[in-house]
């Protein structure tokens, strides 16, 4: 089980896979920086449909605007 400010019932394999794909994509397009790491971005993307939190709640939980 992975945890952000609430818990998400996922195997750790899923966000690791998504984080890897995000990192490859970021490298391919030459992204200079992001506020969230690829791992945190993957967790955010997976938390939205699983938990049903609003964008404001997710932003607050991940410390972004």
N, C-alpha and C. Protein backbone atom coordinates (compact mmCIF):
# COMPACT_ATOMS: atom_id res chain seq x y z
N UNK A 1 0.84 -1.18 0.00
CA UNK A 1 0.00 0.00 0.00
C UNK A 1 0.89 1.24 0.00
N UNK A 2 0.57 2.18 -0.85
CA UNK A 2 1.32 3.44 -0.91
C UNK A 2 0.54 4.51 -0.18
N UNK A 3 1.26 5.48 0.34
CA UNK A 3 0.60 6.52 1.14
C UNK A 3 0.98 7.89 0.61
N UNK A 4 -0.01 8.70 0.38
CA UNK A 4 0.15 10.15 0.26
C UNK A 4 -0.72 10.62 1.39
N UNK A 5 -1.15 11.86 1.53
CA UNK A 5 -1.90 12.21 2.72
C UNK A 5 -3.09 11.29 3.04
N UNK A 6 -3.51 10.47 2.12
CA UNK A 6 -4.47 9.42 2.40
C UNK A 6 -3.87 8.14 1.82
N UNK A 7 -4.47 7.02 2.05
CA UNK A 7 -3.85 5.79 1.55
C UNK A 7 -4.47 5.36 0.23
N UNK A 8 -3.67 4.72 -0.59
CA UNK A 8 -4.10 4.24 -1.89
C UNK A 8 -3.73 2.76 -1.95
N UNK A 9 -4.69 1.92 -2.21
CA UNK A 9 -4.45 0.49 -2.27
C UNK A 9 -3.93 0.11 -3.65
N UNK A 10 -2.61 0.20 -3.82
CA UNK A 10 -1.93 -0.14 -5.08
C UNK A 10 -0.67 -0.92 -4.78
N UNK A 11 -0.27 -1.74 -5.69
CA UNK A 11 1.04 -2.37 -5.55
C UNK A 11 2.08 -1.29 -5.86
N UNK A 12 3.27 -1.46 -5.36
CA UNK A 12 4.32 -0.46 -5.62
C UNK A 12 4.80 -0.54 -7.07
N UNK A 13 4.50 -1.62 -7.75
CA UNK A 13 4.92 -1.81 -9.13
C UNK A 13 4.25 -0.80 -10.08
N UNK A 14 2.99 -0.50 -9.84
CA UNK A 14 2.24 0.40 -10.72
C UNK A 14 2.83 1.80 -10.77
N UNK A 15 3.02 2.48 -9.62
CA UNK A 15 3.62 3.81 -9.71
C UNK A 15 5.06 3.80 -10.17
N UNK A 16 5.81 2.73 -9.86
CA UNK A 16 7.19 2.64 -10.36
C UNK A 16 7.20 2.58 -11.89
N UNK A 17 6.30 1.80 -12.46
CA UNK A 17 6.21 1.70 -13.92
C UNK A 17 5.84 3.06 -14.51
N UNK A 18 4.81 3.70 -13.96
CA UNK A 18 4.38 5.00 -14.47
C UNK A 18 5.48 6.05 -14.30
N UNK A 19 6.17 6.03 -13.18
CA UNK A 19 7.27 6.98 -12.95
C UNK A 19 8.37 6.79 -13.99
N UNK A 20 8.66 5.54 -14.32
CA UNK A 20 9.66 5.27 -15.35
C UNK A 20 9.24 5.82 -16.70
N UNK A 21 7.99 5.62 -17.05
CA UNK A 21 7.47 6.14 -18.32
C UNK A 21 7.49 7.67 -18.33
N UNK A 22 7.13 8.29 -17.20
CA UNK A 22 7.17 9.75 -17.11
C UNK A 22 8.59 10.28 -17.26
N UNK A 23 9.54 9.60 -16.63
CA UNK A 23 10.94 10.03 -16.72
C UNK A 23 11.45 9.95 -18.16
N UNK A 24 11.09 8.88 -18.86
CA UNK A 24 11.48 8.75 -20.27
C UNK A 24 10.85 9.87 -21.09
N UNK A 25 9.59 10.13 -20.85
CA UNK A 25 8.88 11.19 -21.60
C UNK A 25 9.50 12.56 -21.32
N UNK A 26 9.78 12.82 -20.06
CA UNK A 26 10.41 14.10 -19.71
C UNK A 26 11.75 14.27 -20.41
N UNK A 27 12.54 13.19 -20.44
CA UNK A 27 13.83 13.24 -21.12
C UNK A 27 13.66 13.44 -22.62
N UNK A 28 12.65 12.82 -23.18
CA UNK A 28 12.41 12.92 -24.62
C UNK A 28 12.01 14.31 -25.07
N UNK A 29 11.28 15.02 -24.22
CA UNK A 29 10.84 16.37 -24.61
C UNK A 29 11.76 17.46 -24.04
N UNK A 30 12.75 17.04 -23.25
CA UNK A 30 13.73 18.00 -22.73
C UNK A 30 13.19 18.90 -21.63
N UNK A 31 12.34 18.36 -20.78
CA UNK A 31 11.81 19.14 -19.66
C UNK A 31 12.95 19.58 -18.75
N UNK A 32 12.98 20.84 -18.41
CA UNK A 32 14.06 21.36 -17.57
C UNK A 32 13.86 21.03 -16.10
N UNK A 33 12.67 21.22 -15.57
CA UNK A 33 12.40 20.91 -14.18
C UNK A 33 10.90 20.79 -13.96
N UNK A 34 10.55 20.14 -12.90
CA UNK A 34 9.17 20.02 -12.46
C UNK A 34 9.16 20.15 -10.95
N UNK A 35 8.07 20.64 -10.41
CA UNK A 35 7.97 20.75 -8.96
C UNK A 35 7.95 19.37 -8.31
N UNK A 36 7.30 18.41 -8.96
CA UNK A 36 7.25 17.05 -8.43
C UNK A 36 8.21 16.14 -9.18
N UNK A 37 8.79 15.19 -8.46
CA UNK A 37 9.60 14.17 -9.12
C UNK A 37 8.67 13.29 -9.96
N UNK A 38 9.25 12.48 -10.81
CA UNK A 38 8.44 11.58 -11.63
C UNK A 38 7.64 10.62 -10.75
N UNK A 39 8.23 10.17 -9.64
CA UNK A 39 7.53 9.28 -8.72
C UNK A 39 6.34 9.93 -8.05
N UNK A 40 6.52 11.17 -7.60
CA UNK A 40 5.41 11.90 -6.95
C UNK A 40 4.34 12.25 -7.98
N UNK A 41 4.75 12.58 -9.20
CA UNK A 41 3.79 12.89 -10.25
C UNK A 41 2.96 11.64 -10.57
N UNK A 42 3.60 10.49 -10.62
CA UNK A 42 2.89 9.24 -10.87
C UNK A 42 1.87 8.96 -9.76
N UNK A 43 2.29 9.17 -8.52
CA UNK A 43 1.39 8.95 -7.39
C UNK A 43 0.20 9.90 -7.45
N UNK A 44 0.45 11.14 -7.82
CA UNK A 44 -0.63 12.11 -7.97
C UNK A 44 -1.61 11.67 -9.06
N UNK A 45 -1.08 11.25 -10.19
CA UNK A 45 -1.94 10.82 -11.29
C UNK A 45 -2.77 9.60 -10.91
N UNK A 46 -2.22 8.71 -10.12
CA UNK A 46 -2.94 7.51 -9.70
C UNK A 46 -3.91 7.79 -8.56
N UNK A 47 -3.61 8.80 -7.75
CA UNK A 47 -4.48 9.14 -6.61
C UNK A 47 -5.79 9.76 -7.07
N UNK A 48 -5.76 10.53 -8.12
CA UNK A 48 -6.96 11.25 -8.55
C UNK A 48 -8.14 10.32 -8.84
N UNK A 49 -8.02 9.33 -9.72
CA UNK A 49 -9.18 8.48 -9.98
C UNK A 49 -9.49 7.51 -8.84
N UNK A 50 -8.48 7.13 -8.07
CA UNK A 50 -8.68 6.16 -7.00
C UNK A 50 -9.41 6.75 -5.80
N UNK A 51 -9.04 7.97 -5.43
CA UNK A 51 -9.56 8.55 -4.19
C UNK A 51 -10.72 9.50 -4.41
N UNK A 52 -10.84 10.05 -5.60
CA UNK A 52 -11.93 10.98 -5.87
C UNK A 52 -11.76 12.33 -5.21
N UNK A 53 -10.53 12.65 -4.80
CA UNK A 53 -10.28 13.95 -4.20
C UNK A 53 -10.39 15.04 -5.27
N UNK A 54 -10.72 16.24 -4.84
CA UNK A 54 -10.76 17.36 -5.77
C UNK A 54 -9.33 17.75 -6.12
N UNK A 55 -9.18 18.52 -7.19
CA UNK A 55 -7.85 19.00 -7.56
C UNK A 55 -7.24 19.85 -6.45
N UNK A 56 -8.06 20.62 -5.76
CA UNK A 56 -7.56 21.46 -4.66
C UNK A 56 -7.04 20.59 -3.53
N UNK A 57 -7.74 19.52 -3.19
CA UNK A 57 -7.29 18.62 -2.13
C UNK A 57 -5.99 17.92 -2.52
N UNK A 58 -5.90 17.47 -3.75
CA UNK A 58 -4.68 16.83 -4.22
C UNK A 58 -3.52 17.80 -4.23
N UNK A 59 -3.74 19.01 -4.70
CA UNK A 59 -2.69 20.01 -4.73
C UNK A 59 -2.17 20.30 -3.32
N UNK A 60 -3.07 20.45 -2.38
CA UNK A 60 -2.67 20.70 -1.00
C UNK A 60 -1.90 19.51 -0.43
N UNK A 61 -2.35 18.31 -0.72
CA UNK A 61 -1.69 17.11 -0.22
C UNK A 61 -0.30 16.92 -0.78
N UNK A 62 -0.07 17.36 -2.00
CA UNK A 62 1.23 17.21 -2.63
C UNK A 62 2.07 18.48 -2.56
N UNK A 63 1.53 19.53 -1.94
CA UNK A 63 2.29 20.76 -1.75
C UNK A 63 2.53 21.54 -3.03
N UNK A 64 1.56 21.50 -3.94
CA UNK A 64 1.68 22.25 -5.20
C UNK A 64 0.46 23.13 -5.36
N UNK A 65 0.53 24.07 -6.28
CA UNK A 65 -0.59 24.98 -6.50
C UNK A 65 -1.46 24.58 -7.65
